[in-house]
Amino acid sequence: MRIRTITAGLLVLGVLTAGCTSPGTPQNLPTRRVQEIPAARVCGGTLLDTAAASALERLTHSSAFDPEAVKKDHGAREIARTMEAAFRSGEGVVNAPGDRCEISPVGSSSAFPTIVVAFIALGKAPAGTPADEPNEMYTPGVVARASEDGAKVYFDCESRRLGTSVEHPLRLRSEVQNSVRERGEPAATRKDNLTLAHSAAVAVAKELGCAGNGGLPGTAAGLPAPVG
């Protein structure tokens, strides 16, 4: 009887052991992939509108982005805080650090972000700047630049939050840096770059409470004809 009892115990133990190592248990599950996020959720999900999210997909040839592949995923709120801090830093606002959101599609082999959306505070635009001085840094109003490598949108922010005025607004620049290797048709690439820069500019202008959204139009198509 004793021998039978021990044998039965070993059989039970064998069944339990087999159950612990059977297929489908946690020990045998494949390594979980990095959680992918859609274009609309990059940069905190606050910088890109629907048009910009579509532009990002076209530029990167991807609809899935890696939240762990970049160092910064800052959205409108974080960038606005940095711009506000830059303005309040005083006369050195031009040299104040900017802020950025870095974007890479899932599977990118580069150690650097594929698309960067960056902001910088340029200072207070002097009142009465001559119109014959085409300097985007001080020329009042919205100015756009676009190329295959990226785009820039300049605008002025009159905001109660910042304490700026019509005479002395805070001039800001939204910039897109495009490092995609295989690009599409040049004109389409420039347009998509500008769409990203415009969307980000509007998002930060709204977050800062810029009067009239800094003069920015509702869509990138309404921007002044880009130069450069």
Protein backbone atom coordinates (compact mmCIF):
# COMPACT_ATOMS: atom_id res chain seq x y z
CA MET A 1 0.00 0.00 0.00
CA ARG A 2 2.76 2.35 0.85
CA ILE A 3 4.42 1.85 -2.51
CA ARG A 4 1.13 2.53 -4.31
CA THR A 5 0.60 5.74 -2.32
CA ILE A 6 4.05 7.08 -3.25
CA THR A 7 3.52 6.14 -6.89
CA ALA A 8 0.17 7.93 -6.98
CA GLY A 9 1.78 11.00 -5.45
CA LEU A 10 4.48 11.05 -8.12
CA LEU A 11 1.84 10.78 -10.85
CA VAL A 12 -0.05 13.76 -9.44
CA LEU A 13 3.17 15.78 -9.22
CA GLY A 14 3.95 14.93 -12.85
CA VAL A 15 0.57 16.16 -14.00
CA LEU A 16 0.99 19.45 -12.10
CA THR A 17 4.47 19.96 -13.50
CA ALA A 18 3.26 19.33 -17.02
CA GLY A 19 0.48 21.84 -16.49
CA CYS A 20 2.98 24.54 -15.46
CA THR A 21 5.04 24.15 -18.62
CA SER A 22 2.30 23.55 -21.15
CA PRO A 23 1.98 25.84 -24.19
CA GLY A 24 0.05 29.04 -23.61
CA THR A 25 1.26 29.61 -20.03
CA PRO A 26 3.07 32.88 -19.11
CA GLN A 27 6.46 31.14 -19.22
CA ASN A 28 6.02 30.33 -22.91
CA LEU A 29 4.35 33.50 -24.16
CA PRO A 30 6.36 35.48 -26.77
CA THR A 31 8.00 38.73 -25.69
CA ARG A 32 5.43 41.53 -25.83
CA ARG A 33 6.08 44.13 -28.54
CA VAL A 34 6.48 47.78 -27.74
CA GLN A 35 3.06 49.37 -27.47
CA GLU A 36 2.36 51.21 -30.71
CA ILE A 37 0.53 54.51 -30.79
CA PRO A 38 -1.26 56.14 -33.75
CA ALA A 39 -0.21 59.43 -35.30
CA ALA A 40 -2.96 61.33 -33.49
CA ARG A 41 -1.45 60.42 -30.12
CA VAL A 42 2.19 61.41 -30.65
CA CYS A 43 3.40 64.59 -28.93
CA GLY A 44 1.02 64.05 -26.05
CA GLY A 45 -1.88 63.82 -28.46
CA THR A 46 -2.22 67.61 -28.45
CA LEU A 47 -0.02 69.01 -31.23
CA LEU A 48 -1.40 67.32 -34.33
CA ASP A 49 -4.89 67.82 -35.69
CA THR A 50 -6.48 65.37 -38.13
CA ALA A 51 -4.79 66.90 -41.17
CA ALA A 52 -1.40 66.90 -39.46
CA ALA A 53 -1.75 63.29 -38.31
CA SER A 54 -2.44 62.26 -41.91
CA ALA A 55 0.54 64.32 -43.09
CA LEU A 56 2.77 62.57 -40.54
CA GLU A 57 1.69 59.17 -41.82
CA ARG A 58 2.45 60.17 -45.39
CA LEU A 59 5.85 61.60 -44.52
CA THR A 60 6.98 58.60 -42.47
CA HIS A 61 5.17 55.91 -44.51
CA SER A 62 3.83 54.59 -41.22
CA SER A 63 0.69 54.61 -39.12
CA ALA A 64 2.32 53.19 -35.98
CA PHE A 65 4.76 55.14 -33.81
CA ASP A 66 7.08 54.08 -31.03
CA PRO A 67 6.65 55.98 -27.72
CA GLU A 68 9.93 54.55 -26.42
CA ALA A 69 12.10 55.36 -29.43
CA VAL A 70 12.48 59.04 -28.63
CA LYS A 71 13.57 61.14 -25.68
CA LYS A 72 10.79 63.72 -25.75
CA ASP A 73 7.07 63.38 -26.27
CA HIS A 74 6.07 66.89 -25.27
CA GLY A 75 2.66 68.26 -26.17
CA ALA A 76 1.09 71.71 -26.26
CA ARG A 77 0.95 72.10 -22.48
CA GLU A 78 4.62 71.32 -21.86
CA ILE A 79 5.81 73.43 -24.79
CA ALA A 80 3.63 76.38 -23.76
CA ARG A 81 5.13 76.28 -20.27
CA THR A 82 8.62 76.39 -21.74
CA MET A 83 7.72 79.32 -23.98
CA GLU A 84 6.21 81.16 -21.03
CA ALA A 85 9.34 80.56 -18.97
CA ALA A 86 11.44 81.82 -21.88
CA PHE A 87 9.42 85.02 -22.09
CA ARG A 88 9.67 85.63 -18.36
CA SER A 89 13.44 85.12 -18.45
CA GLY A 90 13.82 88.73 -19.59
CA GLU A 91 16.09 90.28 -22.19
CA GLY A 92 17.80 86.97 -22.91
CA VAL A 93 14.61 85.45 -24.28
CA VAL A 94 16.15 85.02 -27.74
CA ASN A 95 18.76 82.68 -26.28
CA ALA A 96 16.37 80.84 -23.99
CA PRO A 97 16.09 77.07 -24.51
CA GLY A 98 13.26 75.85 -26.70
CA ASP A 99 11.21 72.69 -26.48
CA ARG A 100 10.44 69.87 -28.88
CA CYS A 101 8.61 66.66 -29.60
CA GLU A 102 10.53 63.84 -31.27
CA ILE A 103 8.76 61.26 -33.43
CA SER A 104 9.88 57.92 -34.83
CA PRO A 105 7.80 55.19 -36.48
CA VAL A 106 7.88 51.66 -35.11
CA GLY A 107 10.78 49.74 -36.62
CA SER A 108 12.95 52.79 -37.33
CA SER A 109 16.59 51.76 -37.56
CA SER A 110 17.90 55.24 -36.84
CA ALA A 111 19.10 56.31 -33.41
CA PHE A 112 17.74 59.79 -34.16
CA PRO A 113 14.09 60.87 -34.43
CA THR A 114 12.56 60.83 -37.89
CA ILE A 115 10.43 63.94 -37.39
CA VAL A 116 11.01 66.71 -34.84
CA VAL A 117 8.47 69.40 -33.99
CA ALA A 118 10.27 72.20 -32.16
CA PHE A 119 9.41 75.60 -30.70
CA ILE A 120 11.48 78.60 -29.77
CA ALA A 121 10.62 82.01 -28.32
CA LEU A 122 12.24 84.72 -30.45
CA GLY A 123 11.61 87.74 -28.28
CA LYS A 124 9.37 90.77 -28.37
CA ALA A 125 8.79 92.05 -31.88
CA PRO A 126 9.59 95.79 -31.86
CA ALA A 127 6.70 98.03 -32.78
CA GLY A 128 7.00 99.79 -36.12
CA THR A 129 9.48 97.36 -37.66
CA PRO A 130 9.97 98.49 -41.29
CA ALA A 131 8.15 96.28 -43.77
CA ASP A 132 11.14 96.38 -46.12
CA GLU A 133 13.19 94.32 -43.66
CA PRO A 134 12.11 90.72 -44.41
CA ASN A 135 13.43 89.30 -41.17
CA GLU A 136 11.10 86.55 -39.94
CA MET A 137 12.39 87.15 -36.45
CA TYR A 138 10.95 90.65 -36.15
CA THR A 139 8.54 91.12 -39.05
CA PRO A 140 5.08 91.33 -37.46
CA GLY A 141 2.45 88.82 -38.45
CA VAL A 142 2.44 85.27 -39.65
CA VAL A 143 5.33 84.12 -41.84
CA ALA A 144 5.76 80.63 -43.29
CA ARG A 145 8.76 78.83 -44.75
CA ALA A 146 8.82 75.35 -46.25
CA SER A 147 11.31 72.95 -47.83
CA GLU A 148 11.74 69.20 -48.19
CA ASP A 149 13.81 69.22 -45.00
CA GLY A 150 11.12 70.87 -42.90
CA ALA A 151 9.01 73.96 -42.34
CA LYS A 152 8.74 77.00 -40.07
CA VAL A 153 5.79 79.10 -39.00
CA TYR A 154 6.33 82.43 -37.21
CA PHE A 155 3.58 84.19 -35.31
CA ASP A 156 3.01 86.79 -32.58
CA CYS A 157 1.32 86.04 -29.30
CA GLU A 158 -0.61 88.71 -27.43
CA SER A 159 -1.68 86.94 -24.27
CA ARG A 160 -3.02 87.85 -20.85
CA ARG A 161 -1.29 84.76 -19.53
CA LEU A 162 2.06 86.14 -20.67
CA GLY A 163 1.26 89.78 -20.07
CA THR A 164 2.14 90.68 -23.67
CA SER A 165 0.42 93.38 -25.70
CA VAL A 166 -0.32 94.31 -29.31
CA GLU A 167 2.69 96.64 -29.26
CA HIS A 168 4.98 94.04 -27.68
CA PRO A 169 3.83 90.50 -28.36
CA LEU A 170 5.94 87.41 -27.91
CA ARG A 171 7.19 86.17 -31.28
CA LEU A 172 7.23 82.40 -31.57
CA ARG A 173 8.45 79.92 -34.13
CA SER A 174 7.07 76.47 -34.77
CA GLU A 175 9.52 74.32 -36.70
CA VAL A 176 9.43 70.86 -38.27
CA GLN A 177 12.63 68.98 -39.03
CA ASN A 178 12.22 66.14 -41.52
CA SER A 179 14.88 63.40 -41.58
CA VAL A 180 12.91 60.86 -43.61
CA ARG A 181 15.27 59.26 -46.11
CA GLU A 182 12.82 58.17 -48.79
CA ARG A 183 10.59 61.13 -49.51
CA GLY A 184 7.74 61.57 -51.88
CA GLU A 185 7.16 64.27 -54.46
CA PRO A 186 8.91 67.50 -53.35
CA ALA A 187 5.84 69.76 -53.44
CA ALA A 188 3.79 67.23 -51.45
CA THR A 189 6.58 66.86 -48.90
CA ARG A 190 6.82 70.62 -48.42
CA LYS A 191 3.05 70.81 -47.99
CA ASP A 192 2.99 68.04 -45.37
CA ASN A 193 5.90 69.60 -43.47
CA LEU A 194 4.03 72.89 -43.36
CA THR A 195 0.82 71.16 -42.26
CA LEU A 196 2.66 69.75 -39.23
CA ALA A 197 4.23 73.09 -38.34
CA HIS A 198 0.92 74.91 -38.66
CA SER A 199 -1.01 72.42 -36.51
CA ALA A 200 1.59 72.59 -33.75
CA ALA A 201 1.64 76.40 -33.88
CA VAL A 202 -2.14 76.60 -33.50
CA ALA A 203 -2.12 74.12 -30.60
CA VAL A 204 0.49 76.09 -28.65
CA ALA A 205 -1.15 79.44 -29.48
CA LYS A 206 -4.41 78.13 -28.01
CA GLU A 207 -2.64 76.79 -24.93
CA LEU A 208 -0.96 80.16 -24.33
CA GLY A 209 -4.23 82.01 -24.91
CA CYS A 210 -2.83 84.07 -27.80
CA ALA A 211 -5.43 86.53 -29.06
CA GLY A 212 -6.94 85.30 -32.31
CA ASN A 213 -4.66 82.25 -32.11
CA GLY A 214 -1.75 84.49 -32.97
CA GLY A 215 -3.28 85.41 -36.31
CA LEU A 216 -2.88 81.83 -37.52
CA PRO A 217 -5.46 80.62 -40.05
CA GLY A 218 -7.63 77.59 -39.38
CA THR A 219 -5.77 75.43 -41.90
CA ALA A 220 -2.27 75.36 -43.34
CA ALA A 221 -3.75 76.25 -46.74
CA GLY A 222 -4.63 79.67 -45.32
CA LEU A 223 -1.02 80.53 -44.43
CA PRO A 224 0.78 83.22 -46.42
CA ALA A 225 2.61 81.75 -49.40
CA PRO A 226 5.70 80.05 -47.93
CA VAL A 227 9.13 81.28 -48.90
CA GLY A 228 12.45 79.50 -49.05
